Amino acid sequence: MKKVLIAGGSGLIGRRLTQLLQEEGYEVMWLSRSASDSGDVKTFIWNPAKGEIDPQAIMEADALIALSGAGVADGRWTEAYKKKIIESRLHVASTLLDALNKTRHHVQCLLTASAIGIYGDRGEELLTESSTTGSGFLSETCSYWEAAYSNSPIRTVSIRIGIVLSKDGGALPEMAGPMKAGICPVLGSGQQYMSWIHIDDLCRIFIHALKENQLQSVYNAVAPAPVTHQTFMHTLRKTLAPYSITIPVPAFLLKLFLGEKVRLYWTAHA
């Protein structure tokens, strides 16, 4: 039985990935900043901000999955929080790679999360894994994130993730929430593309990359057909709340309340 060590296992993606891995017979372990009761998941303590990790975690693992990092949607993009977003990812990478280089281990692969934000806002342009990176904070963050693993001593795969849809958290409940009050908000022009993916499909991409030894480098994890924000919201409205009223939210209001973080709602077409 293979043992998979996940950094960020307690998050939305990590918990579902843990479930699916266990269903396939894998033993899953987590890295955590504090001891916690995770049921049948063994937990090792680490502190990536200080470069600290229990070496036993690396010694026991057959594969590593890195999902950790400060959430890009969890705070206003002040200069301090943007610094935290980038540094948290770099600390995770440096701690894992340092452990791999200094600890006797039998880890076969390292899977890391990235995001399609690396492409920036490109409108109608069709983007693939070979496309150039874009501009802006999200692109800069993802570029640093992926570059941090460039000297990995083992097979490494970076998964560029689109908007993850799950009923248990993340973007979908936030978008559907106003509909309970009879409102279907359409942000800005509504013509910005949403490259989305269901959480189960995303987790199965990680599992596929875990199994297939020939996979390496970067892969986009999105549904085959991106849709505009307006199309997505109208489909969601028909499904959940056909009685709700569509209300446009002007771009200037989004920028007023969200600041630079408004870029989260102008996603790449991957």
C-alpha atoms as a PDB file:
ATOM      1  CA  MET A   1       0.000   0.000   0.000  1.00  0.00           C
ATOM      2  CA  LYS A   2       1.356   3.412  -0.926  1.00  0.00           C
ATOM      3  CA  LYS A   3       1.516   6.191   1.645  1.00  0.00           C
ATOM      4  CA  VAL A   4       0.632   9.704   0.474  1.00  0.00           C
ATOM      5  CA  LEU A   5       1.640  12.710   2.562  1.00  0.00           C
ATOM      6  CA  ILE A   6      -0.491  15.818   2.003  1.00  0.00           C
ATOM      7  CA  ALA A   7       0.415  19.354   3.011  1.00  0.00           C
ATOM      8  CA  GLY A   8      -2.930  21.142   3.237  1.00  0.00           C
ATOM      9  CA  GLY A   9      -4.993  18.005   3.770  1.00  0.00           C
ATOM     10  CA  SER A  10      -7.539  19.708   6.015  1.00  0.00           C
ATOM     11  CA  GLY A  11      -8.651  22.157   3.305  1.00  0.00           C
ATOM     12  CA  LEU A  12     -11.575  21.740   0.910  1.00  0.00           C
ATOM     13  CA  ILE A  13      -9.557  19.985  -1.802  1.00  0.00           C
ATOM     14  CA  GLY A  14      -7.361  18.105   0.649  1.00  0.00           C
ATOM     15  CA  ARG A  15     -10.259  16.496   2.511  1.00  0.00           C
ATOM     16  CA  ARG A  16     -11.986  15.267  -0.634  1.00  0.00           C
ATOM     17  CA  LEU A  17      -8.682  14.074  -2.100  1.00  0.00           C
ATOM     18  CA  THR A  18      -8.019  12.192   1.137  1.00  0.00           C
ATOM     19  CA  GLN A  19     -11.378  10.415   0.862  1.00  0.00           C
ATOM     20  CA  LEU A  20     -10.840   9.370  -2.752  1.00  0.00           C
ATOM     21  CA  LEU A  21      -7.285   8.195  -2.095  1.00  0.00           C
ATOM     22  CA  GLN A  22      -8.445   6.084   0.830  1.00  0.00           C
ATOM     23  CA  GLU A  23     -11.189   4.555  -1.327  1.00  0.00           C
ATOM     24  CA  GLU A  24      -8.441   3.428  -3.721  1.00  0.00           C
ATOM     25  CA  GLY A  25      -6.474   1.787  -0.927  1.00  0.00           C
ATOM     26  CA  TYR A  26      -3.889   4.477  -0.219  1.00  0.00           C
ATOM     27  CA  GLU A  27      -2.832   5.344   3.303  1.00  0.00           C
ATOM     28  CA  VAL A  28      -3.045   9.114   3.690  1.00  0.00           C
ATOM     29  CA  MET A  29      -1.018  11.229   6.096  1.00  0.00           C
ATOM     30  CA  TRP A  30      -1.203  14.979   6.699  1.00  0.00           C
ATOM     31  CA  LEU A  31       1.245  17.713   7.582  1.00  0.00           C
ATOM     32  CA  SER A  32      -0.263  20.126  10.090  1.00  0.00           C
ATOM     33  CA  ARG A  33       0.880  23.105  12.134  1.00  0.00           C
ATOM     34  CA  SER A  34      -0.824  21.647  15.187  1.00  0.00           C
ATOM     35  CA  ALA A  35      -1.798  18.211  16.472  1.00  0.00           C
ATOM     36  CA  SER A  36      -5.409  17.443  15.617  1.00  0.00           C
ATOM     37  CA  ASP A  37      -7.864  14.597  15.600  1.00  0.00           C
ATOM     38  CA  SER A  38      -8.114  13.678  11.938  1.00  0.00           C
ATOM     39  CA  GLY A  39      -9.822  10.324  12.378  1.00  0.00           C
ATOM     40  CA  ASP A  40      -7.951   7.652  10.452  1.00  0.00           C
ATOM     41  CA  VAL A  41      -5.402  10.114   9.031  1.00  0.00           C
ATOM     42  CA  LYS A  42      -1.991  10.170  10.696  1.00  0.00           C
ATOM     43  CA  THR A  43      -0.780  13.715  11.292  1.00  0.00           C
ATOM     44  CA  PHE A  44       2.804  15.013  11.443  1.00  0.00           C
ATOM     45  CA  ILE A  45       3.719  18.432  12.794  1.00  0.00           C
ATOM     46  CA  TRP A  46       5.466  21.025  10.660  1.00  0.00           C
ATOM     47  CA  ASN A  47       5.991  24.776  10.515  1.00  0.00           C
ATOM     48  CA  PRO A  48       6.956  25.810   6.980  1.00  0.00           C
ATOM     49  CA  ALA A  49       7.376  29.461   7.978  1.00  0.00           C
ATOM     50  CA  LYS A  50      10.318  28.308  10.122  1.00  0.00           C
ATOM     51  CA  GLY A  51      11.421  25.521   7.773  1.00  0.00           C
ATOM     52  CA  GLU A  52      10.526  22.870  10.354  1.00  0.00           C
ATOM     53  CA  ILE A  53       9.135  19.429   9.533  1.00  0.00           C
ATOM     54  CA  ASP A  54       9.035  16.077  11.282  1.00  0.00           C
ATOM     55  CA  PRO A  55      11.580  14.028   9.269  1.00  0.00           C
ATOM     56  CA  GLN A  56       9.589  10.882  10.006  1.00  0.00           C
ATOM     57  CA  ALA A  57       6.848  12.203   7.712  1.00  0.00           C
ATOM     58  CA  ILE A  58       9.224  12.233   4.736  1.00  0.00           C
ATOM     59  CA  MET A  59      10.734   8.883   5.685  1.00  0.00           C
ATOM     60  CA  GLU A  60       7.326   7.178   5.707  1.00  0.00           C
ATOM     61  CA  ALA A  61       5.896   8.715   2.547  1.00  0.00           C
ATOM     62  CA  ASP A  62       5.879   7.282  -0.969  1.00  0.00           C
ATOM     63  CA  ALA A  63       4.443  10.468  -2.493  1.00  0.00           C
ATOM     64  CA  LEU A  64       3.955  14.109  -1.514  1.00  0.00           C
ATOM     65  CA  ILE A  65       1.096  16.432  -2.426  1.00  0.00           C
ATOM     66  CA  ALA A  66       1.491  20.148  -1.675  1.00  0.00           C
ATOM     67  CA  LEU A  67      -1.761  22.098  -1.394  1.00  0.00           C
ATOM     68  CA  SER A  68      -0.771  24.536   1.372  1.00  0.00           C
ATOM     69  CA  GLY A  69      -0.692  28.313   1.141  1.00  0.00           C
ATOM     70  CA  ALA A  70      -2.551  31.384   2.361  1.00  0.00           C
ATOM     71  CA  GLY A  71      -5.899  31.600   0.565  1.00  0.00           C
ATOM     72  CA  VAL A  72      -5.989  34.206  -2.197  1.00  0.00           C
ATOM     73  CA  ALA A  73      -9.666  34.860  -1.426  1.00  0.00           C
ATOM     74  CA  ASP A  74      -9.287  34.944   2.361  1.00  0.00           C
ATOM     75  CA  GLY A  75      -8.266  38.573   2.777  1.00  0.00           C
ATOM     76  CA  ARG A  76      -8.095  41.956   1.093  1.00  0.00           C
ATOM     77  CA  TRP A  77      -5.054  42.250  -1.137  1.00  0.00           C
ATOM     78  CA  THR A  78      -3.072  44.698   0.923  1.00  0.00           C
ATOM     79  CA  GLU A  79       0.667  44.734   0.310  1.00  0.00           C
ATOM     80  CA  ALA A  80       1.121  42.801   3.553  1.00  0.00           C
ATOM     81  CA  TYR A  81      -1.393  40.111   2.604  1.00  0.00           C
ATOM     82  CA  LYS A  82      -0.013  39.758  -0.921  1.00  0.00           C
ATOM     83  CA  LYS A  83       3.408  39.205   0.632  1.00  0.00           C
ATOM     84  CA  LYS A  84       1.890  36.558   2.914  1.00  0.00           C
ATOM     85  CA  ILE A  85       0.270  34.766  -0.053  1.00  0.00           C
ATOM     86  CA  ILE A  86       3.568  34.484  -1.910  1.00  0.00           C
ATOM     87  CA  GLU A  87       5.803  33.753   1.081  1.00  0.00           C
ATOM     88  CA  SER A  88       3.503  31.041   2.439  1.00  0.00           C
ATOM     89  CA  ARG A  89       3.869  29.110  -0.823  1.00  0.00           C
ATOM     90  CA  LEU A  90       7.605  29.609  -1.026  1.00  0.00           C
ATOM     91  CA  HIS A  91       8.024  28.445   2.580  1.00  0.00           C
ATOM     92  CA  VAL A  92       6.075  25.262   1.838  1.00  0.00           C
ATOM     93  CA  ALA A  93       8.194  24.538  -1.227  1.00  0.00           C
ATOM     94  CA  SER A  94      11.537  25.225   0.453  1.00  0.00           C
ATOM     95  CA  THR A  95      10.640  23.143   3.506  1.00  0.00           C
ATOM     96  CA  LEU A  96       9.556  20.133   1.453  1.00  0.00           C
ATOM     97  CA  LEU A  97      12.503  20.291  -0.940  1.00  0.00           C
ATOM     98  CA  ASP A  98      14.980  20.772   1.888  1.00  0.00           C
ATOM     99  CA  ALA A  99      13.556  17.705   3.627  1.00  0.00           C
ATOM    100  CA  LEU A 100      13.779  15.660   0.418  1.00  0.00           C
ATOM    101  CA  ASN A 101      17.411  16.655  -0.037  1.00  0.00           C
ATOM    102  CA  LYS A 102      18.468  16.033   3.556  1.00  0.00           C
ATOM    103  CA  THR A 103      16.395  13.028   4.636  1.00  0.00           C
ATOM    104  CA  ARG A 104      16.727   9.399   3.617  1.00  0.00           C
ATOM    105  CA  HIS A 105      13.462   8.651   1.874  1.00  0.00           C
ATOM    106  CA  HIS A 106      11.712   6.640  -0.840  1.00  0.00           C
ATOM    107  CA  VAL A 107       9.383   9.392  -2.078  1.00  0.00           C
ATOM    108  CA  GLN A 108       8.684   8.800  -5.764  1.00  0.00           C
ATOM    109  CA  CYS A 109       6.797  11.920  -6.797  1.00  0.00           C
ATOM    110  CA  LEU A 110       5.765  15.387  -5.701  1.00  0.00           C
ATOM    111  CA  LEU A 111       2.446  16.864  -6.853  1.00  0.00           C
ATOM    112  CA  THR A 112       1.949  20.586  -6.342  1.00  0.00           C
ATOM    113  CA  ALA A 113      -1.017  22.886  -6.710  1.00  0.00           C
ATOM    114  CA  SER A 114      -0.761  25.935  -8.950  1.00  0.00           C
ATOM    115  CA  ALA A 115      -3.505  27.946 -10.673  1.00  0.00           C
ATOM    116  CA  ILE A 116      -4.593  29.123 -14.101  1.00  0.00           C
ATOM    117  CA  GLY A 117      -4.159  32.622 -12.707  1.00  0.00           C
ATOM    118  CA  ILE A 118      -0.625  32.264 -14.066  1.00  0.00           C
ATOM    119  CA  TYR A 119      -1.981  33.270 -17.499  1.00  0.00           C
ATOM    120  CA  GLY A 120      -3.500  36.552 -16.328  1.00  0.00           C
ATOM    121  CA  ASP A 121      -6.544  38.191 -17.935  1.00  0.00           C
ATOM    122  CA  ARG A 122      -6.369  37.203 -21.630  1.00  0.00           C
ATOM    123  CA  GLY A 123      -9.969  37.614 -22.807  1.00  0.00           C
ATOM    124  CA  GLU A 124     -10.911  35.356 -25.736  1.00  0.00           C
ATOM    125  CA  GLU A 125      -7.428  33.878 -26.139  1.00  0.00           C
ATOM    126  CA  LEU A 126      -7.307  30.080 -25.855  1.00  0.00           C
ATOM    127  CA  LEU A 127      -4.565  29.153 -23.414  1.00  0.00           C
ATOM    128  CA  THR A 128      -2.670  25.892 -23.016  1.00  0.00           C
ATOM    129  CA  GLU A 129       0.167  24.640 -20.850  1.00  0.00           C
ATOM    130  CA  SER A 130       2.658  26.010 -23.399  1.00  0.00           C
ATOM    131  CA  SER A 131       1.197  29.543 -23.363  1.00  0.00           C
ATOM    132  CA  THR A 132       3.267  32.352 -21.891  1.00  0.00           C
ATOM    133  CA  THR A 133       2.590  33.651 -18.406  1.00  0.00           C
ATOM    134  CA  GLY A 134       0.551  36.792 -18.003  1.00  0.00           C
ATOM    135  CA  SER A 135       0.853  39.903 -15.856  1.00  0.00           C
ATOM    136  CA  GLY A 136      -0.534  40.938 -12.502  1.00  0.00           C
ATOM    137  CA  PHE A 137      -0.349  39.624  -8.965  1.00  0.00           C
ATOM    138  CA  LEU A 138      -1.952  36.216  -9.594  1.00  0.00           C
ATOM    139  CA  SER A 139       0.383  35.521 -12.480  1.00  0.00           C
ATOM    140  CA  GLU A 140       3.366  36.630 -10.412  1.00  0.00           C
ATOM    141  CA  THR A 141       2.308  34.434  -7.493  1.00  0.00           C
ATOM    142  CA  CYS A 142       1.842  31.320  -9.631  1.00  0.00           C
ATOM    143  CA  SER A 143       5.132  31.910 -11.421  1.00  0.00           C
ATOM    144  CA  TYR A 144       7.008  32.084  -8.109  1.00  0.00           C
ATOM    145  CA  TRP A 145       5.052  29.054  -6.888  1.00  0.00           C
ATOM    146  CA  GLU A 146       6.003  26.851  -9.822  1.00  0.00           C
ATOM    147  CA  ALA A 147       9.580  28.103 -10.014  1.00  0.00           C
ATOM    148  CA  ALA A 148      10.087  27.181  -6.366  1.00  0.00           C
ATOM    149  CA  TYR A 149       9.840  23.502  -7.329  1.00  0.00           C
ATOM    150  CA  SER A 150      12.098  23.716 -10.380  1.00  0.00           C
ATOM    151  CA  ASN A 151      15.014  22.074  -8.541  1.00  0.00           C
ATOM    152  CA  SER A 152      12.997  19.188  -7.152  1.00  0.00           C
ATOM    153  CA  PRO A 153      15.105  16.013  -6.896  1.00  0.00           C
ATOM    154  CA  ILE A 154      12.150  13.771  -7.813  1.00  0.00           C
ATOM    155  CA  ARG A 155       9.388  13.607 -10.449  1.00  0.00           C
ATOM    156  CA  THR A 156       7.287  16.726  -9.981  1.00  0.00           C
ATOM    157  CA  VAL A 157       3.912  17.668 -11.461  1.00  0.00           C
ATOM    158  CA  SER A 158       2.267  21.085 -11.069  1.00  0.00           C
ATOM    159  CA  ILE A 159      -1.512  21.192 -11.475  1.00  0.00           C
ATOM    160  CA  ARG A 160      -2.833  24.570 -12.632  1.00  0.00           C
ATOM    161  CA  ILE A 161      -6.286  24.648 -11.065  1.00  0.00           C
ATOM    162  CA  GLY A 162      -9.334  26.562 -12.305  1.00  0.00           C
ATOM    163  CA  ILE A 163     -12.354  27.595 -10.207  1.00  0.00           C
ATOM    164  CA  VAL A 164     -13.163  24.568  -8.062  1.00  0.00           C
ATOM    165  CA  LEU A 165     -16.855  23.774  -7.688  1.00  0.00           C
ATOM    166  CA  SER A 166     -18.038  21.921  -4.598  1.00  0.00           C
ATOM    167  CA  LYS A 167     -21.255  22.080  -2.607  1.00  0.00           C
ATOM    168  CA  ASP A 168     -19.170  21.842   0.559  1.00  0.00           C
ATOM    169  CA  GLY A 169     -17.330  25.147   0.198  1.00  0.00           C
ATOM    170  CA  GLY A 170     -15.311  27.452  -1.996  1.00  0.00           C
ATOM    171  CA  ALA A 171     -16.682  29.465  -4.907  1.00  0.00           C
ATOM    172  CA  LEU A 172     -19.995  27.684  -5.577  1.00  0.00           C
ATOM    173  CA  PRO A 173     -21.768  28.380  -2.247  1.00  0.00           C
ATOM    174  CA  GLU A 174     -20.566  31.991  -2.434  1.00  0.00           C
ATOM    175  CA  MET A 175     -22.032  32.441  -5.921  1.00  0.00           C
ATOM    176  CA  ALA A 176     -25.247  30.624  -5.036  1.00  0.00           C
ATOM    177  CA  GLY A 177     -25.735  32.360  -1.674  1.00  0.00           C
ATOM    178  CA  PRO A 178     -27.476  35.530  -2.919  1.00  0.00           C
ATOM    179  CA  MET A 179     -29.986  33.401  -4.810  1.00  0.00           C
ATOM    180  CA  LYS A 180     -31.507  32.336  -1.500  1.00  0.00           C
ATOM    181  CA  ALA A 181     -32.553  35.968  -1.186  1.00  0.00           C
ATOM    182  CA  GLY A 182     -33.921  36.023  -4.740  1.00  0.00           C
ATOM    183  CA  ILE A 183     -30.908  37.742  -6.310  1.00  0.00           C
ATOM    184  CA  CYS A 184     -28.712  36.447  -9.134  1.00  0.00           C
ATOM    185  CA  PRO A 185     -25.700  38.791  -9.293  1.00  0.00           C
ATOM    186  CA  VAL A 186     -23.744  39.130 -12.538  1.00  0.00           C
ATOM    187  CA  LEU A 187     -20.345  40.697 -11.930  1.00  0.00           C
ATOM    188  CA  GLY A 188     -19.080  43.413 -14.245  1.00  0.00           C
ATOM    189  CA  SER A 189     -19.801  42.824 -17.924  1.00  0.00           C
ATOM    190  CA  GLY A 190     -20.384  39.124 -17.280  1.00  0.00           C
ATOM    191  CA  GLN A 191     -18.276  38.317 -20.330  1.00  0.00           C
ATOM    192  CA  GLN A 192     -15.172  37.293 -18.358  1.00  0.00           C
ATOM    193  CA  TYR A 193     -14.468  33.580 -18.731  1.00  0.00           C
ATOM    194  CA  MET A 194     -14.777  31.021 -15.962  1.00  0.00           C
ATOM    195  CA  SER A 195     -12.543  28.006 -16.411  1.00  0.00           C
ATOM    196  CA  TRP A 196     -14.045  25.728 -13.791  1.00  0.00           C
ATOM    197  CA  ILE A 197     -13.667  22.159 -12.572  1.00  0.00           C
ATOM    198  CA  HIS A 198     -15.668  19.920 -10.248  1.00  0.00           C
ATOM    199  CA  ILE A 199     -13.761  19.003  -7.120  1.00  0.00           C
ATOM    200  CA  ASP A 200     -14.002  15.252  -7.816  1.00  0.00           C
ATOM    201  CA  ASP A 201     -12.556  15.677 -11.304  1.00  0.00           C
ATOM    202  CA  LEU A 202      -9.715  17.735  -9.867  1.00  0.00           C
ATOM    203  CA  CYS A 203      -8.936  15.135  -7.215  1.00  0.00           C
ATOM    204  CA  ARG A 204      -8.942  12.369  -9.826  1.00  0.00           C
ATOM    205  CA  ILE A 205      -6.438  14.379 -11.872  1.00  0.00           C
ATOM    206  CA  PHE A 206      -4.145  14.398  -8.856  1.00  0.00           C
ATOM    207  CA  ILE A 207      -4.623  10.648  -8.418  1.00  0.00           C
ATOM    208  CA  HIS A 208      -3.940  10.037 -12.124  1.00  0.00           C
ATOM    209  CA  ALA A 209      -0.725  12.082 -11.891  1.00  0.00           C
ATOM    210  CA  LEU A 210       0.219  10.058  -8.840  1.00  0.00           C
ATOM    211  CA  LYS A 211      -0.147   6.770 -10.705  1.00  0.00           C
ATOM    212  CA  GLU A 212       1.313   7.662 -14.105  1.00  0.00           C
ATOM    213  CA  ASN A 213       5.100   7.835 -13.853  1.00  0.00           C
ATOM    214  CA  GLN A 214       5.506   9.430 -17.291  1.00  0.00           C
ATOM    215  CA  LEU A 215       3.642  12.584 -16.265  1.00  0.00           C
ATOM    216  CA  GLN A 216       5.844  15.537 -15.391  1.00  0.00           C
ATOM    217  CA  SER A 217       5.868  19.352 -15.602  1.00  0.00           C
ATOM    218  CA  VAL A 218       2.572  21.341 -15.682  1.00  0.00           C
ATOM    219  CA  TYR A 219      -1.047  20.500 -16.548  1.00  0.00           C
ATOM    220  CA  ASN A 220      -4.194  22.603 -16.625  1.00  0.00           C
ATOM    221  CA  ALA A 221      -7.033  21.222 -14.498  1.00  0.00           C
ATOM    222  CA  VAL A 222     -10.229  22.684 -15.957  1.00  0.00           C
ATOM    223  CA  ALA A 223     -13.384  21.454 -17.675  1.00  0.00           C
ATOM    224  CA  PRO A 224     -13.133  21.162 -21.489  1.00  0.00           C
ATOM    225  CA  ALA A 225     -15.482  24.074 -22.192  1.00  0.00           C
ATOM    226  CA  PRO A 226     -15.036  27.342 -20.275  1.00  0.00           C
ATOM    227  CA  VAL A 227     -18.090  29.596 -20.084  1.00  0.00           C
ATOM    228  CA  THR A 228     -18.602  33.276 -19.421  1.00  0.00           C
ATOM    229  CA  HIS A 229     -19.541  34.360 -15.917  1.00  0.00           C
ATOM    230  CA  GLN A 230     -22.955  35.471 -17.186  1.00  0.00           C
ATOM    231  CA  THR A 231     -23.668  32.076 -18.773  1.00  0.00           C
ATOM    232  CA  PHE A 232     -22.575  30.268 -15.628  1.00  0.00           C
ATOM    233  CA  MET A 233     -24.738  32.414 -13.342  1.00  0.00           C
ATOM    234  CA  HIS A 234     -27.798  32.057 -15.583  1.00  0.00           C
ATOM    235  CA  THR A 235     -27.343  28.267 -15.613  1.00  0.00           C
ATOM    236  CA  LEU A 236     -26.946  28.256 -11.837  1.00  0.00           C
ATOM    237  CA  ARG A 237     -30.061  30.399 -11.526  1.00  0.00           C
ATOM    238  CA  LYS A 238     -32.148  27.991 -13.643  1.00  0.00           C
ATOM    239  CA  THR A 239     -30.948  25.073 -11.549  1.00  0.00           C
ATOM    240  CA  LEU A 240     -31.224  26.523  -8.042  1.00  0.00           C
ATOM    241  CA  ALA A 241     -33.488  29.561  -8.051  1.00  0.00           C
ATOM    242  CA  PRO A 242     -35.437  30.239 -11.271  1.00  0.00           C
ATOM    243  CA  TYR A 243     -37.504  32.782  -9.343  1.00  0.00           C
ATOM    244  CA  SER A 244     -34.441  34.953  -8.605  1.00  0.00           C
ATOM    245  CA  ILE A 245     -33.875  38.289 -10.327  1.00  0.00           C
ATOM    246  CA  THR A 246     -30.687  38.961 -12.294  1.00  0.00           C
ATOM    247  CA  ILE A 247     -28.935  42.073 -11.027  1.00  0.00           C
ATOM    248  CA  PRO A 248     -25.768  43.417 -12.706  1.00  0.00           C
ATOM    249  CA  VAL A 249     -22.988  44.476 -10.319  1.00  0.00           C
ATOM    250  CA  PRO A 250     -20.944  47.246 -11.989  1.00  0.00           C
ATOM    251  CA  ALA A 251     -17.198  46.727 -12.232  1.00  0.00           C
ATOM    252  CA  PHE A 252     -16.472  49.993 -10.421  1.00  0.00           C
ATOM    253  CA  LEU A 253     -18.376  48.747  -7.342  1.00  0.00           C
ATOM    254  CA  LEU A 254     -16.392  45.515  -7.356  1.00  0.00           C
ATOM    255  CA  LYS A 255     -13.152  47.480  -7.526  1.00  0.00           C
ATOM    256  CA  LEU A 256     -14.369  49.804  -4.747  1.00  0.00           C
ATOM    257  CA  PHE A 257     -15.140  46.972  -2.325  1.00  0.00           C
ATOM    258  CA  LEU A 258     -12.544  44.396  -3.396  1.00  0.00           C
ATOM    259  CA  GLY A 259      -9.675  46.506  -4.652  1.00  0.00           C
ATOM    260  CA  GLU A 260      -7.064  44.584  -6.621  1.00  0.00           C
ATOM    261  CA  LYS A 261      -8.664  41.289  -5.535  1.00  0.00           C
ATOM    262  CA  VAL A 262     -11.323  41.909  -8.186  1.00  0.00           C
ATOM    263  CA  ARG A 263      -8.889  40.093 -10.521  1.00  0.00           C
ATOM    264  CA  LEU A 264     -10.111  36.837  -8.988  1.00  0.00           C
ATOM    265  CA  TYR A 265     -13.312  37.321 -10.979  1.00  0.00           C
ATOM    266  CA  TRP A 266     -11.545  37.903 -14.295  1.00  0.00           C
ATOM    267  CA  THR A 267     -10.105  34.433 -14.897  1.00  0.00           C
ATOM    268  CA  ALA A 268      -8.045  32.863 -17.645  1.00  0.00           C
ATOM    269  CA  HIS A 269      -9.540  31.024 -20.622  1.00  0.00           C
ATOM    270  CA  ALA A 270      -7.658  27.720 -20.299  1.00  0.00           C
END
